[in-house]
Amino acid sequence: MFTVDRKDFGPGFTFGAATAAYQIEGGQRDGRGPSIWDSFSATPGNVKNADTGAIACNHYELWPQDLDLIRDAGLDAYRFSFAWPRLLPEGTGAVNQAGVDFYDRLIDGMLERGIAPYATLYHWDLPSALQDRGGWMNRDIAGWFADYAALVAQKFGDRLQATATINEPWCVAFLSHYLGIHAPGYRDMRAAARAMHHVLFAHGTAIDALRANGARNLGIVLNLEKAEAASDAPEDIAAMNMGDAIFNRWYLGGVLKGAYPEEVTAWLGDHLPANYQNDMAVVSRPLDWLGINYYTRSLYRAPTTPGGHVVEQVKGDLEKTDIGWEIYPKGLSDLLVRVSREYTKIPLYVTENGMAEVEGDDDPRRVRYYDEHLQAVLAARAEGADVRGYFAWSLLDNYEWAEGYEKRFGLVHVDYQTQKRTPKASYRAFQGMLHNTR
């Protein structure tokens, strides 16, 4: 069980669990169009065991029992994502009514159970038809995304507690267009530079579209890491600063201050879109809250390989999760305090935090992980960070992108053959802390 108690967080603090559409839904026969993850996962070598999200956790059909799990845990909220290709199979144009009906059922099911819906417009499943037109490399995506945002606001906005535009733009842009690890799998500096800007420009146009259509309580979800130097050597400290600029400050600075870090714009140079500076007022539209996803730290050193990446990372000596990420709760406290002091005074939410662990429902390390990170949230609040909520990643074991189904992050174990759900010890720990205290 946890050493923290709900009352430690004060009244009004939101506890929730998070998922993403492609990772859990399945249900691809209702008129949903193909996404970039369908083709990326179908390409040999991209995903472990050639796993795909075609069935995943079958949340499309089993959502009632999944919402019951959220309610029975005593959680206040469910952070989910809309699948863009389920609502707009071609990315633009004709609406798939079956997709609208699914999300109507899902949202109404949350409200019937007293669960607050926290929605995300984009969690990486870009419609393939838009990738054919350049995807995030094409400036026109800002208009396509705004139109999609307007549709969501019109159909569902009056029932949503909060709406985020983009989940983890670093992953959308850099991981997927420079490192090539996620769909669409580019390893191209020009592609990355354009995606890095367009994803934030589209965020801004979506904020405008959401507000124009009556949506409220709007934000974005950034994945942040605690960047540290591998040594005290000046060159490693410089590498840490560059790594921090690429991973953290590009997105924090763009969204919250309307400015990108100069060391990154100098590095990207002419690969950036022409006159991108003219878009920064849209990139930095005022927000109601900021979501932060946190998992680990990175240790940076100066490049050792001629012609290699601008920075290099080294493995640290802390205890690691099953996916190989260091367990570092202090990094969460440090980031929450840093953001609140250096970037914004709007409310902060920890929108994802969790760990991959080996299969099984007796997971003492995960219980300890959550307990220590909840303590880290309290520590940040004690230093003045206005943290209003915490969402565990994830409700269910699910499709972990390029890792396939091997890595399990769930509070609830999923048998992918039978789709049986079995709550783990970490689920019971949240239930013990939250039960009858909502």
Protein backbone atom coordinates (compact mmCIF):
# COMPACT_ATOMS: atom_id res chain seq x y z
CA MET A 1 0.00 0.00 0.00
CA PHE A 2 0.98 3.66 -0.37
CA THR A 3 2.49 5.74 2.41
CA VAL A 4 0.66 8.84 1.11
CA ASP A 5 -3.00 9.54 1.68
CA ARG A 6 -5.53 11.33 -0.46
CA LYS A 7 -6.00 14.05 2.15
CA ASP A 8 -2.30 14.94 1.78
CA PHE A 9 -3.14 16.43 -1.64
CA GLY A 10 -5.93 18.66 -0.41
CA PRO A 11 -9.45 19.15 -1.75
CA GLY A 12 -9.98 19.29 -5.48
CA PHE A 13 -6.91 17.28 -6.48
CA THR A 14 -7.70 14.95 -9.40
CA PHE A 15 -6.53 11.34 -9.52
CA GLY A 16 -6.94 9.48 -12.78
CA ALA A 17 -5.67 6.82 -15.14
CA ALA A 18 -4.56 7.36 -18.73
CA THR A 19 -4.67 5.44 -22.01
CA ALA A 20 -4.39 6.15 -25.75
CA ALA A 21 -6.71 5.12 -28.58
CA TYR A 22 -4.36 3.10 -30.76
CA GLN A 23 -2.87 1.31 -27.76
CA ILE A 24 -6.13 -0.11 -26.46
CA GLU A 25 -9.13 0.32 -28.78
CA GLY A 26 -8.92 -2.17 -31.62
CA GLY A 27 -12.34 -2.00 -33.31
CA GLN A 28 -11.04 -1.20 -36.75
CA ARG A 29 -14.12 -2.35 -38.71
CA ASP A 30 -16.50 0.52 -37.97
CA GLY A 31 -15.39 2.70 -40.86
CA ARG A 32 -12.21 3.87 -39.16
CA GLY A 33 -9.57 4.83 -41.70
CA PRO A 34 -5.97 3.57 -41.61
CA SER A 35 -3.36 5.38 -39.53
CA ILE A 36 0.39 5.72 -39.80
CA TRP A 37 0.75 3.14 -37.02
CA ASP A 38 -1.11 0.56 -39.06
CA SER A 39 1.41 0.79 -41.88
CA PHE A 40 4.43 1.33 -39.62
CA SER A 41 3.63 -1.76 -37.55
CA ALA A 42 2.95 -3.79 -40.71
CA THR A 43 6.47 -3.06 -41.95
CA PRO A 44 8.95 -5.79 -40.89
CA GLY A 45 11.52 -4.73 -38.33
CA ASN A 46 9.68 -1.71 -36.93
CA VAL A 47 7.89 -3.33 -33.98
CA LYS A 48 8.93 -6.22 -31.75
CA ASN A 49 7.26 -9.49 -32.71
CA ALA A 50 5.54 -7.65 -35.59
CA ASP A 51 2.80 -6.71 -33.12
CA THR A 52 0.07 -4.31 -34.24
CA GLY A 53 -2.78 -2.46 -32.56
CA ALA A 54 -5.46 -4.09 -34.71
CA ILE A 55 -7.08 -5.73 -31.67
CA ALA A 56 -5.04 -4.39 -28.72
CA CYS A 57 -7.23 -4.55 -25.58
CA ASN A 58 -10.51 -4.43 -27.53
CA HIS A 59 -11.53 -1.38 -25.53
CA TYR A 60 -13.87 -0.61 -28.43
CA GLU A 61 -16.17 -3.37 -27.18
CA LEU A 62 -15.04 -3.82 -23.58
CA TRP A 63 -15.12 -0.17 -22.54
CA PRO A 64 -17.92 -0.68 -19.99
CA GLN A 65 -15.83 -3.01 -17.84
CA ASP A 66 -12.80 -0.75 -18.24
CA LEU A 67 -14.79 2.23 -17.00
CA ASP A 68 -16.06 0.09 -14.13
CA LEU A 69 -12.43 -0.57 -13.19
CA ILE A 70 -11.74 3.18 -13.10
CA ARG A 71 -14.83 3.81 -10.95
CA ASP A 72 -14.13 0.90 -8.62
CA ALA A 73 -10.57 2.10 -8.04
CA GLY A 74 -11.96 5.38 -6.73
CA LEU A 75 -10.30 7.38 -9.50
CA ASP A 76 -11.82 10.72 -10.41
CA ALA A 77 -10.94 10.96 -14.09
CA TYR A 78 -10.07 9.08 -17.24
CA ARG A 79 -7.57 10.52 -19.68
CA PHE A 80 -8.29 9.03 -23.10
CA SER A 81 -7.63 10.03 -26.70
CA PHE A 82 -9.83 10.36 -29.74
CA ALA A 83 -8.66 8.44 -32.80
CA TRP A 84 -8.51 11.01 -35.60
CA PRO A 85 -8.95 8.32 -38.33
CA ARG A 86 -11.98 6.88 -36.53
CA LEU A 87 -13.77 10.21 -36.69
CA LEU A 88 -12.39 11.39 -40.06
CA PRO A 89 -11.21 8.35 -42.04
CA GLU A 90 -9.45 10.53 -44.62
CA GLY A 91 -8.26 13.05 -42.05
CA THR A 92 -10.52 15.70 -43.53
CA GLY A 93 -13.95 15.73 -45.10
CA ALA A 94 -16.54 13.03 -44.45
CA VAL A 95 -17.30 12.16 -40.82
CA ASN A 96 -17.60 8.51 -39.76
CA GLN A 97 -20.82 8.44 -37.75
CA ALA A 98 -19.96 5.08 -36.19
CA GLY A 99 -16.87 6.69 -34.71
CA VAL A 100 -18.89 9.57 -33.31
CA ASP A 101 -21.31 7.06 -31.81
CA PHE A 102 -18.48 5.14 -30.12
CA TYR A 103 -17.12 8.22 -28.39
CA ASP A 104 -20.65 9.28 -27.45
CA ARG A 105 -21.08 5.94 -25.69
CA LEU A 106 -17.67 6.16 -24.04
CA ILE A 107 -18.07 9.72 -22.74
CA ASP A 108 -21.62 9.16 -21.57
CA GLY A 109 -20.43 6.00 -19.84
CA MET A 110 -17.83 8.03 -17.94
CA LEU A 111 -20.37 10.61 -16.86
CA GLU A 112 -22.83 7.92 -15.75
CA ARG A 113 -20.12 6.52 -13.48
CA GLY A 114 -19.04 9.89 -12.09
CA ILE A 115 -15.75 9.86 -14.03
CA ALA A 116 -14.48 13.15 -15.46
CA PRO A 117 -13.48 12.87 -19.16
CA TYR A 118 -10.01 14.29 -19.90
CA ALA A 119 -9.59 14.09 -23.68
CA THR A 120 -6.58 14.27 -25.97
CA LEU A 121 -7.10 15.09 -29.64
CA TYR A 122 -3.92 13.51 -30.97
CA HIS A 123 -1.99 10.60 -29.49
CA TRP A 124 0.11 9.68 -32.54
CA ASP A 125 -2.40 7.92 -34.85
CA LEU A 126 -2.28 10.28 -37.83
CA PRO A 127 -4.67 9.31 -40.65
CA SER A 128 -2.64 7.70 -43.43
CA ALA A 129 -4.32 9.91 -46.03
CA LEU A 130 -2.72 12.95 -44.37
CA GLN A 131 0.67 11.27 -44.23
CA ASP A 132 0.34 10.82 -47.99
CA ARG A 133 0.14 14.62 -48.14
CA GLY A 134 3.24 15.12 -46.02
CA GLY A 135 1.78 14.73 -42.55
CA TRP A 136 3.52 16.84 -39.91
CA MET A 137 6.06 18.00 -42.50
CA ASN A 138 3.33 19.89 -44.36
CA ARG A 139 2.31 23.27 -42.98
CA ASP A 140 -1.25 22.60 -44.13
CA ILE A 141 -1.62 20.17 -41.23
CA ALA A 142 -2.34 23.16 -39.01
CA GLY A 143 -5.58 23.69 -40.91
CA TRP A 144 -6.46 20.00 -41.03
CA PHE A 145 -5.90 19.68 -37.30
CA ALA A 146 -7.92 22.81 -36.55
CA ASP A 147 -10.87 21.43 -38.52
CA TYR A 148 -10.61 18.13 -36.61
CA ALA A 149 -10.47 20.05 -33.31
CA ALA A 150 -13.58 21.99 -34.27
CA LEU A 151 -15.41 18.73 -34.99
CA VAL A 152 -14.48 17.30 -31.59
CA ALA A 153 -15.59 20.49 -29.85
CA GLN A 154 -18.91 20.49 -31.68
CA LYS A 155 -19.68 16.81 -31.05
CA PHE A 156 -18.29 16.30 -27.55
CA GLY A 157 -16.99 19.56 -26.07
CA ASP A 158 -19.91 20.20 -23.73
CA ARG A 159 -19.22 16.90 -21.92
CA LEU A 160 -15.43 17.10 -21.59
CA GLN A 161 -13.82 18.20 -18.35
CA ALA A 162 -10.60 19.12 -20.16
CA THR A 163 -9.11 18.81 -23.63
CA ALA A 164 -5.47 18.56 -24.65
CA THR A 165 -4.42 19.15 -28.24
CA ILE A 166 -1.25 17.06 -28.67
CA ASN A 167 0.27 14.30 -26.58
CA GLU A 168 4.07 14.51 -26.40
CA PRO A 169 5.04 16.66 -29.39
CA TRP A 170 8.71 15.66 -28.94
CA CYS A 171 7.66 12.10 -29.83
CA VAL A 172 5.46 13.27 -32.70
CA ALA A 173 8.28 15.32 -34.20
CA PHE A 174 11.78 14.32 -33.08
CA LEU A 175 11.43 10.66 -32.11
CA SER A 176 9.43 9.96 -35.26
CA HIS A 177 11.12 12.19 -37.86
CA TYR A 178 14.74 12.45 -36.68
CA LEU A 179 15.40 9.25 -34.73
CA GLY A 180 12.93 7.19 -36.78
CA ILE A 181 11.81 5.04 -33.84
CA HIS A 182 8.08 5.74 -34.14
CA ALA A 183 5.75 6.20 -37.10
CA PRO A 184 6.22 7.50 -39.74
CA GLY A 185 9.83 6.43 -39.16
CA TYR A 186 11.84 9.18 -40.83
CA ARG A 187 15.50 9.84 -40.03
CA ASP A 188 15.81 13.19 -41.71
CA MET A 189 16.84 16.54 -40.26
CA ARG A 190 14.65 18.62 -42.56
CA ALA A 191 11.63 16.42 -41.85
CA ALA A 192 12.26 16.74 -38.12
CA ALA A 193 12.74 20.51 -38.20
CA ARG A 194 9.48 21.01 -40.02
CA ALA A 195 7.57 18.59 -37.82
CA MET A 196 9.00 20.23 -34.68
CA HIS A 197 7.50 23.54 -35.69
CA HIS A 198 4.33 22.40 -37.41
CA VAL A 199 3.22 20.24 -34.48
CA LEU A 200 3.25 23.30 -32.23
CA PHE A 201 1.76 25.59 -34.87
CA ALA A 202 -1.07 23.06 -35.28
CA HIS A 203 -1.49 22.98 -31.51
CA GLY A 204 -2.08 26.73 -31.60
CA THR A 205 -4.57 26.60 -34.46
CA ALA A 206 -6.42 23.82 -32.64
CA ILE A 207 -6.61 25.92 -29.46
CA ASP A 208 -8.22 28.69 -31.52
CA ALA A 209 -10.67 26.26 -33.13
CA LEU A 210 -11.61 24.65 -29.83
CA ARG A 211 -12.26 28.00 -28.18
CA ALA A 212 -14.23 29.28 -31.17
CA ASN A 213 -16.51 26.26 -30.82
CA GLY A 214 -17.11 26.61 -27.11
CA ALA A 215 -14.64 24.09 -25.71
CA ARG A 216 -13.21 24.94 -22.31
CA ASN A 217 -10.30 24.04 -20.04
CA LEU A 218 -7.70 23.62 -22.79
CA GLY A 219 -4.08 22.51 -22.62
CA ILE A 220 -1.29 20.49 -24.16
CA VAL A 221 0.65 17.48 -22.83
CA LEU A 222 4.46 17.67 -22.96
CA ASN A 223 6.79 14.81 -22.16
CA LEU A 224 9.70 16.16 -20.14
CA GLU A 225 12.85 14.52 -18.88
CA LYS A 226 15.28 15.54 -16.16
CA ALA A 227 18.39 16.35 -18.20
CA GLU A 228 21.68 15.90 -16.33
CA ALA A 229 25.33 15.88 -17.36
CA ALA A 230 27.24 12.62 -17.32
CA SER A 231 30.15 14.40 -15.62
CA ASP A 232 31.30 17.83 -14.45
CA ALA A 233 33.34 18.29 -17.60
CA PRO A 234 32.39 21.51 -19.45
CA GLU A 235 31.77 19.63 -22.69
CA ASP A 236 29.32 17.26 -20.95
CA ILE A 237 27.54 20.17 -19.31
CA ALA A 238 27.23 21.78 -22.74
CA ALA A 239 25.83 18.51 -24.10
CA MET A 240 23.30 18.43 -21.27
CA ASN A 241 22.19 21.96 -22.12
CA MET A 242 21.73 20.99 -25.76
CA GLY A 243 19.83 17.85 -24.85
CA ASP A 244 17.61 19.84 -22.54
CA ALA A 245 17.01 22.39 -25.30
CA ILE A 246 15.94 19.73 -27.82
CA PHE A 247 13.84 17.64 -25.46
CA ASN A 248 12.39 20.17 -23.01
CA ARG A 249 12.97 23.83 -23.83
CA TRP A 250 11.89 23.70 -27.49
CA TYR A 251 8.36 22.75 -26.42
CA LEU A 252 8.19 24.65 -23.12
CA GLY A 253 9.64 27.79 -24.68
CA GLY A 254 7.54 27.57 -27.82
CA VAL A 255 4.21 26.94 -26.14
CA LEU A 256 4.64 29.09 -23.03
CA LYS A 257 6.95 31.91 -24.15
CA GLY A 258 6.62 32.02 -27.93
CA ALA A 259 10.35 31.45 -28.47
CA TYR A 260 12.53 28.50 -29.36
CA PRO A 261 16.00 27.99 -27.83
CA GLU A 262 18.62 29.66 -29.98
CA GLU A 263 21.05 26.73 -29.87
CA VAL A 264 18.44 24.50 -31.51
CA THR A 265 17.36 27.00 -34.17
CA ALA A 266 21.05 27.49 -35.01
CA TRP A 267 21.56 23.72 -35.25
CA LEU A 268 18.49 23.20 -37.46
CA GLY A 269 19.26 26.28 -39.54
CA ASP A 270 17.70 26.42 -42.99
CA HIS A 271 15.87 23.13 -42.39
CA LEU A 272 13.29 25.09 -40.40
CA PRO A 273 10.27 26.43 -42.30
CA ALA A 274 10.80 29.85 -43.79
CA ASN A 275 9.48 32.69 -41.61
CA TYR A 276 8.50 30.32 -38.82
CA GLN A 277 8.92 33.25 -36.42
CA ASN A 278 5.69 34.73 -37.77
CA ASP A 279 3.77 31.77 -36.34
CA MET A 280 4.96 32.09 -32.75
CA ALA A 281 1.97 34.09 -31.54
CA VAL A 282 -0.23 31.16 -32.60
CA VAL A 283 2.17 28.57 -31.15
CA SER A 284 1.95 30.30 -27.76
CA ARG A 285 -1.81 30.80 -27.48
CA PRO A 286 -2.83 31.15 -23.79
CA LEU A 287 -3.66 27.85 -22.09
CA ASP A 288 -5.74 26.91 -19.08
CA TRP A 289 -3.42 24.16 -17.87
CA LEU A 290 -0.28 22.23 -18.82
CA GLY A 291 0.12 18.46 -18.76
CA ILE A 292 3.50 16.92 -17.99
CA ASN A 293 4.38 13.30 -18.73
CA TYR A 294 7.38 12.11 -16.75
CA TYR A 295 9.17 8.79 -16.66
CA THR A 296 12.91 9.18 -16.21
CA ARG A 297 16.06 11.26 -16.61
CA SER A 298 18.72 11.39 -19.32
CA LEU A 299 22.47 11.63 -18.77
CA TYR A 300 24.23 13.54 -21.55
CA ARG A 301 27.81 13.63 -22.72
CA ALA A 302 29.66 15.29 -25.56
CA PRO A 303 29.60 13.38 -28.85
CA THR A 304 32.33 10.76 -29.17
CA THR A 305 31.57 9.57 -32.71
CA PRO A 306 32.56 11.82 -35.64
CA GLY A 307 29.50 12.62 -37.67
CA GLY A 308 27.21 11.25 -34.98
CA HIS A 309 24.34 12.87 -33.12
CA VAL A 310 24.75 16.35 -31.69
CA VAL A 311 24.65 14.85 -28.18
CA GLU A 312 24.99 11.37 -26.74
CA GLN A 313 23.26 9.69 -23.82
CA VAL A 314 24.81 7.27 -21.36
CA LYS A 315 23.16 4.79 -19.02
CA GLY A 316 22.99 5.74 -15.37
CA ASP A 317 23.40 3.48 -12.35
CA LEU A 318 19.95 3.88 -10.79
CA GLU A 319 17.42 1.06 -10.52
CA LYS A 320 15.65 0.54 -13.85
CA THR A 321 12.20 -0.48 -15.02
CA ASP A 322 11.54 -3.38 -17.37
CA ILE A 323 11.88 -1.02 -20.34
CA GLY A 324 15.31 0.11 -19.09
CA TRP A 325 14.37 3.56 -17.79
CA GLU A 326 15.94 4.76 -14.56
CA ILE A 327 13.64 5.24 -11.59
CA TYR A 328 14.23 8.83 -10.47
CA PRO A 329 11.32 10.41 -8.52
CA LYS A 330 13.36 13.52 -7.69
CA GLY A 331 13.36 14.34 -11.40
CA LEU A 332 9.59 14.78 -11.29
CA SER A 333 9.79 17.20 -8.37
CA ASP A 334 12.58 19.14 -10.05
CA LEU A 335 10.67 19.48 -13.33
CA LEU A 336 7.40 20.54 -11.74
CA VAL A 337 9.17 23.22 -9.71
CA ARG A 338 11.22 24.35 -12.70
CA VAL A 339 8.21 24.73 -14.97
CA SER A 340 6.25 26.61 -12.33
CA ARG A 341 9.13 28.98 -11.60
CA GLU A 342 10.57 29.54 -15.06
CA TYR A 343 7.68 29.13 -17.49
CA THR A 344 4.12 29.45 -16.23
CA LYS A 345 1.77 29.90 -13.30
CA ILE A 346 -1.12 28.00 -14.90
CA PRO A 347 -2.16 24.76 -13.18
CA LEU A 348 0.00 21.72 -13.84
CA TYR A 349 -1.13 18.12 -14.16
CA VAL A 350 1.05 15.03 -14.16
CA THR A 351 -0.75 13.48 -17.12
CA GLU A 352 1.38 10.33 -17.34
CA ASN A 353 3.67 8.59 -14.88
CA GLY A 354 4.27 4.89 -14.48
CA MET A 355 6.62 1.98 -15.09
CA ALA A 356 6.92 -1.13 -17.20
CA GLU A 357 7.25 -4.26 -15.12
CA VAL A 358 7.45 -7.97 -15.84
CA GLU A 359 4.17 -9.81 -16.27
CA GLY A 360 2.20 -10.59 -13.16
CA ASP A 361 -0.28 -9.01 -10.77
CA ASP A 362 1.96 -9.00 -7.68
CA ASP A 363 3.99 -5.91 -8.50
CA PRO A 364 5.67 -4.50 -5.38
CA ARG A 365 8.15 -2.43 -7.39
CA ARG A 366 5.33 -0.66 -9.22
CA VAL A 367 3.57 0.08 -5.93
CA ARG A 368 6.79 1.60 -4.63
CA TYR A 369 7.33 3.51 -7.88
CA TYR A 370 3.91 5.16 -7.67
CA ASP A 371 4.29 5.87 -3.97
CA GLU A 372 7.65 7.59 -4.47
CA HIS A 373 6.38 9.66 -7.39
CA LEU A 374 3.28 10.71 -5.50
CA GLN A 375 5.62 11.83 -2.74
CA ALA A 376 7.54 13.76 -5.40
CA VAL A 377 4.33 15.57 -6.40
CA LEU A 378 3.77 16.54 -2.76
CA ALA A 379 7.35 17.78 -2.54
CA ALA A 380 6.86 19.96 -5.62
CA ARG A 381 3.63 21.35 -4.23
CA ALA A 382 5.44 22.18 -1.00
CA GLU A 383 7.88 24.25 -3.08
CA GLY A 384 5.06 26.19 -4.68
CA ALA A 385 4.27 24.22 -7.85
CA ASP A 386 0.54 24.42 -8.56
CA VAL A 387 -0.02 20.72 -9.34
CA ARG A 388 -3.72 19.91 -9.58
CA GLY A 389 -3.79 16.27 -10.63
CA TYR A 390 -1.98 12.98 -11.26
CA PHE A 391 -2.78 10.35 -13.90
CA ALA A 392 -1.23 6.89 -13.71
CA TRP A 393 0.06 5.36 -16.93
CA SER A 394 -1.60 3.16 -17.71
CA LEU A 395 -5.00 1.80 -16.79
CA LEU A 396 -4.35 -1.36 -18.81
CA ASP A 397 -1.41 -3.32 -20.12
CA ASN A 398 -1.48 -2.35 -23.78
CA TYR A 399 0.28 -1.94 -27.11
CA GLU A 400 3.52 -0.21 -26.21
CA TRP A 401 4.28 1.15 -29.69
CA ALA A 402 7.60 -0.12 -31.07
CA GLU A 403 7.93 -2.44 -28.05
CA GLY A 404 4.76 -4.27 -29.05
CA TYR A 405 3.00 -6.12 -26.24
CA GLU A 406 6.11 -7.14 -24.30
CA LYS A 407 6.25 -4.16 -21.94
CA ARG A 408 3.45 -3.92 -19.41
CA PHE A 409 2.60 -0.56 -17.83
CA GLY A 410 -0.91 -1.37 -16.61
CA LEU A 411 -2.54 -1.07 -13.23
CA VAL A 412 -4.64 -3.90 -14.64
CA HIS A 413 -3.18 -7.02 -16.23
CA VAL A 414 -4.56 -7.93 -19.66
CA ASP A 415 -4.45 -11.46 -21.05
CA TYR A 416 -4.28 -10.62 -24.74
CA GLN A 417 -5.60 -14.04 -25.78
CA THR A 418 -8.76 -13.93 -23.66
CA GLN A 419 -8.94 -10.15 -22.96
CA LYS A 420 -9.42 -10.96 -19.27
CA ARG A 421 -8.66 -8.01 -16.98
CA THR A 422 -7.03 -8.68 -13.60
CA PRO A 423 -6.25 -5.80 -11.21
CA LYS A 424 -2.66 -5.75 -9.97
CA ALA A 425 -1.32 -4.77 -6.55
CA SER A 426 -0.73 -1.24 -7.83
CA TYR A 427 -4.43 -0.96 -8.73
CA ARG A 428 -5.30 -2.14 -5.22
CA ALA A 429 -2.90 0.43 -3.76
CA PHE A 430 -4.72 3.27 -5.52
CA GLN A 431 -8.03 1.75 -4.52
CA GLY A 432 -6.93 1.58 -0.90
CA MET A 433 -5.85 5.23 -0.95
CA LEU A 434 -8.90 6.56 -2.79
CA HIS A 435 -11.77 4.27 -1.83
CA ASN A 436 -14.77 6.05 -0.38
CA THR A 437 -12.94 9.39 -0.37
CA ARG A 438 -14.14 10.85 -3.68
